[in-house]
Amino acid sequence: MNSQKTSVTTPKTGLAKKVRNWTSTRQTPFTIPGVCDALGALGRDRAQIGHAITDFIDRGEIETVTRSTFDVRRRTTYIYNHSWHREKKGGLKPRVIKAMYVAASAFSSADIQRISGVSDRSYVDRIIRSLKKEGHIYRIGKRYLPHVGSVQLYNILNRERFRIEVMR
């Protein structure tokens, strides 16, 4: 069996990027039909623009503007939130490294997993293996845990060097 996920949705056309670029340059409120007209969207693209804008609203990238009592058409207007930024990716490794630094005495990979909140212990083991290979941590022994057996215990070799070189 093929383990890759297959998508049944339409292929990406870059329409969301076009909508993001157009809306981010606007300083005045806009409507979904206004975006469609500005981008020259027809048919299915108009629906996709509407879906993209609702995704942007859910993300906080676009905000709904309150309707004016003098607005005859009663259309919902939107404005781009210029203070919005994408979430930073790769937030797990710094949390794992900080958990190692905080665990001042001996720690195991299960301890680090519990402190950092990472769901996959093999990811913690991989980070420990690379830090051990680089000489930042070393193995100090074993600890017996019920229902698990013995686990390896590690410690940081030089805390100052670890903080400067690994935690950056």
Protein backbone atom coordinates (compact mmCIF):
# COMPACT_ATOMS: atom_id res chain seq x y z
CA MET A 1 0.00 0.00 0.00
CA ASN A 2 1.07 3.55 -0.63
CA SER A 3 1.58 5.30 2.72
CA GLN A 4 1.41 8.80 1.25
CA LYS A 5 -1.76 10.79 1.73
CA THR A 6 -3.73 11.40 -1.41
CA SER A 7 -5.77 14.53 -1.84
CA VAL A 8 -9.20 14.49 -3.42
CA THR A 9 -9.38 18.28 -3.57
CA THR A 10 -8.53 20.36 -6.58
CA PRO A 11 -4.86 21.10 -7.18
CA LYS A 12 -3.36 24.30 -5.81
CA THR A 13 -3.56 27.20 -8.24
CA GLY A 14 -1.92 29.95 -6.20
CA LEU A 15 -5.24 31.74 -5.83
CA ALA A 16 -4.88 32.19 -2.06
CA LYS A 17 -1.49 33.84 -2.58
CA LYS A 18 -3.03 36.24 -5.11
CA VAL A 19 -5.84 37.04 -2.67
CA ARG A 20 -3.34 37.61 0.15
CA ASN A 21 -1.21 39.92 -2.00
CA TRP A 22 -4.21 41.94 -3.23
CA THR A 23 -5.86 42.28 0.18
CA SER A 24 -2.62 43.17 1.99
CA THR A 25 -2.03 46.15 -0.32
CA ARG A 26 -5.51 47.57 0.36
CA GLN A 27 -5.98 50.17 3.07
CA THR A 28 -9.76 50.38 2.65
CA PRO A 29 -12.39 47.73 3.38
CA PHE A 30 -13.29 45.29 0.60
CA THR A 31 -15.93 42.68 -0.18
CA ILE A 32 -15.62 39.16 -1.58
CA PRO A 33 -17.21 40.16 -4.93
CA GLY A 34 -14.82 43.12 -5.06
CA VAL A 35 -11.83 40.79 -4.67
CA CYS A 36 -13.22 38.47 -7.36
CA ASP A 37 -13.71 41.37 -9.77
CA ALA A 38 -10.25 42.78 -9.08
CA LEU A 39 -8.59 39.41 -9.70
CA GLY A 40 -10.78 38.63 -12.73
CA ALA A 41 -12.10 35.42 -11.21
CA LEU A 42 -14.87 33.53 -12.97
CA GLY A 43 -16.91 30.47 -12.05
CA ARG A 44 -15.24 28.08 -9.63
CA ASP A 45 -12.46 30.57 -8.82
CA ARG A 46 -15.02 32.91 -7.23
CA ALA A 47 -16.05 30.17 -4.79
CA GLN A 48 -12.41 29.36 -4.05
CA ILE A 49 -11.72 33.02 -3.29
CA GLY A 50 -14.64 32.99 -0.84
CA HIS A 51 -13.23 29.88 0.84
CA ALA A 52 -9.75 31.43 0.97
CA ILE A 53 -11.10 34.56 2.65
CA THR A 54 -12.98 32.51 5.26
CA ASP A 55 -9.72 30.63 5.96
CA PHE A 56 -7.94 33.97 6.36
CA ILE A 57 -10.67 35.13 8.77
CA ASP A 58 -10.30 31.94 10.85
CA ARG A 59 -6.54 32.53 10.98
CA GLY A 60 -6.95 36.18 11.95
CA GLU A 61 -5.29 37.45 8.78
CA ILE A 62 -8.47 39.25 7.66
CA GLU A 63 -10.99 40.90 9.98
CA THR A 64 -14.67 41.63 9.48
CA VAL A 65 -15.56 45.32 9.54
CA THR A 66 -18.80 46.35 11.21
CA ARG A 67 -21.51 47.35 8.79
CA SER A 68 -22.55 50.93 8.50
CA THR A 69 -26.20 51.83 9.02
CA PHE A 70 -25.99 53.83 5.80
CA ASP A 71 -24.79 50.83 3.74
CA VAL A 72 -27.64 50.20 1.31
CA ARG A 73 -26.40 46.82 0.03
CA ARG A 74 -25.69 45.39 3.52
CA ARG A 75 -22.64 43.51 2.25
CA THR A 76 -20.08 42.24 4.73
CA THR A 77 -16.84 44.12 4.35
CA TYR A 78 -13.39 42.98 5.37
CA ILE A 79 -10.00 44.54 6.02
CA TYR A 80 -6.54 43.01 6.10
CA ASN A 81 -4.91 42.72 9.54
CA HIS A 82 -1.40 44.09 8.94
CA SER A 83 -0.22 43.09 12.43
CA TRP A 84 -0.84 39.38 11.66
CA HIS A 85 2.20 37.11 11.22
CA ARG A 86 2.52 33.44 10.38
CA GLU A 87 3.15 31.09 13.24
CA LYS A 88 6.73 30.07 13.67
CA LYS A 89 7.36 26.48 12.59
CA GLY A 90 9.66 24.04 14.33
CA GLY A 91 8.76 24.94 17.89
CA LEU A 92 9.34 21.44 19.29
CA LYS A 93 13.13 21.24 19.22
CA PRO A 94 13.67 24.44 21.26
CA ARG A 95 11.18 23.14 23.84
CA VAL A 96 13.04 19.82 24.09
CA ILE A 97 16.41 21.56 24.47
CA LYS A 98 15.02 23.96 27.09
CA ALA A 99 13.59 20.98 29.01
CA MET A 100 17.07 19.41 29.06
CA TYR A 101 18.55 22.64 30.37
CA VAL A 102 15.87 23.01 33.05
CA ALA A 103 16.31 19.39 34.21
CA ALA A 104 19.46 20.28 36.14
CA SER A 105 20.35 16.79 37.35
CA ALA A 106 20.08 13.47 35.55
CA PHE A 107 17.28 13.13 33.00
CA SER A 108 15.95 10.43 30.73
CA SER A 109 14.25 10.79 27.37
CA ALA A 110 10.91 10.02 29.07
CA ASP A 111 11.51 12.89 31.52
CA ILE A 112 12.25 15.29 28.68
CA GLN A 113 9.19 14.10 26.77
CA ARG A 114 7.01 14.72 29.83
CA ILE A 115 8.49 18.17 30.57
CA SER A 116 8.44 19.44 26.99
CA GLY A 117 5.05 18.01 26.06
CA VAL A 118 6.31 16.29 22.90
CA SER A 119 4.09 13.37 21.93
CA ASP A 120 6.73 11.31 20.08
CA ARG A 121 9.52 9.92 22.26
CA SER A 122 11.57 8.84 19.24
CA TYR A 123 11.94 12.53 18.34
CA VAL A 124 13.41 13.22 21.80
CA ASP A 125 15.72 10.20 21.41
CA ARG A 126 16.94 11.54 18.07
CA ILE A 127 17.78 14.94 19.59
CA ILE A 128 19.55 13.26 22.54
CA ARG A 129 21.56 11.08 20.14
CA SER A 130 22.73 14.09 18.10
CA LEU A 131 23.64 16.10 21.22
CA LYS A 132 25.54 13.12 22.63
CA LYS A 133 27.43 12.76 19.35
CA GLU A 134 28.33 16.48 19.41
CA GLY A 135 29.60 16.13 22.99
CA HIS A 136 27.06 18.35 24.73
CA ILE A 137 25.50 15.63 26.90
CA TYR A 138 26.79 12.33 28.24
CA ARG A 139 25.30 9.14 29.63
CA ILE A 140 25.65 8.76 33.39
CA GLY A 141 23.84 5.49 34.03
CA LYS A 142 20.50 3.71 34.12
CA ARG A 143 17.33 4.02 36.15
CA TYR A 144 14.75 1.26 36.58
CA LEU A 145 11.14 2.25 35.90
CA PRO A 146 8.22 -0.06 36.62
CA HIS A 147 6.32 -1.26 33.53
CA VAL A 148 9.13 0.12 31.32
CA GLY A 149 12.37 -1.41 32.51
CA SER A 150 15.68 0.39 32.66
CA VAL A 151 16.11 3.73 30.92
CA GLN A 152 19.30 5.63 30.09
CA LEU A 153 20.13 8.69 32.19
CA TYR A 154 21.91 11.69 30.71
CA ASN A 155 23.39 14.93 31.97
CA ILE A 156 24.68 18.12 30.37
CA LEU A 157 28.47 18.17 30.16
CA ASN A 158 28.97 21.96 30.39
CA ARG A 159 25.84 24.05 31.07
CA GLU A 160 27.34 27.35 29.91
CA ARG A 161 28.58 25.86 26.64
CA PHE A 162 25.21 24.11 26.18
CA ARG A 163 23.35 27.39 26.71
CA ILE A 164 25.55 29.33 24.30
CA GLU A 165 26.01 26.76 21.53
CA VAL A 166 22.82 24.70 21.60
CA MET A 167 20.12 27.00 22.99
CA ARG A 168 21.30 30.04 20.97
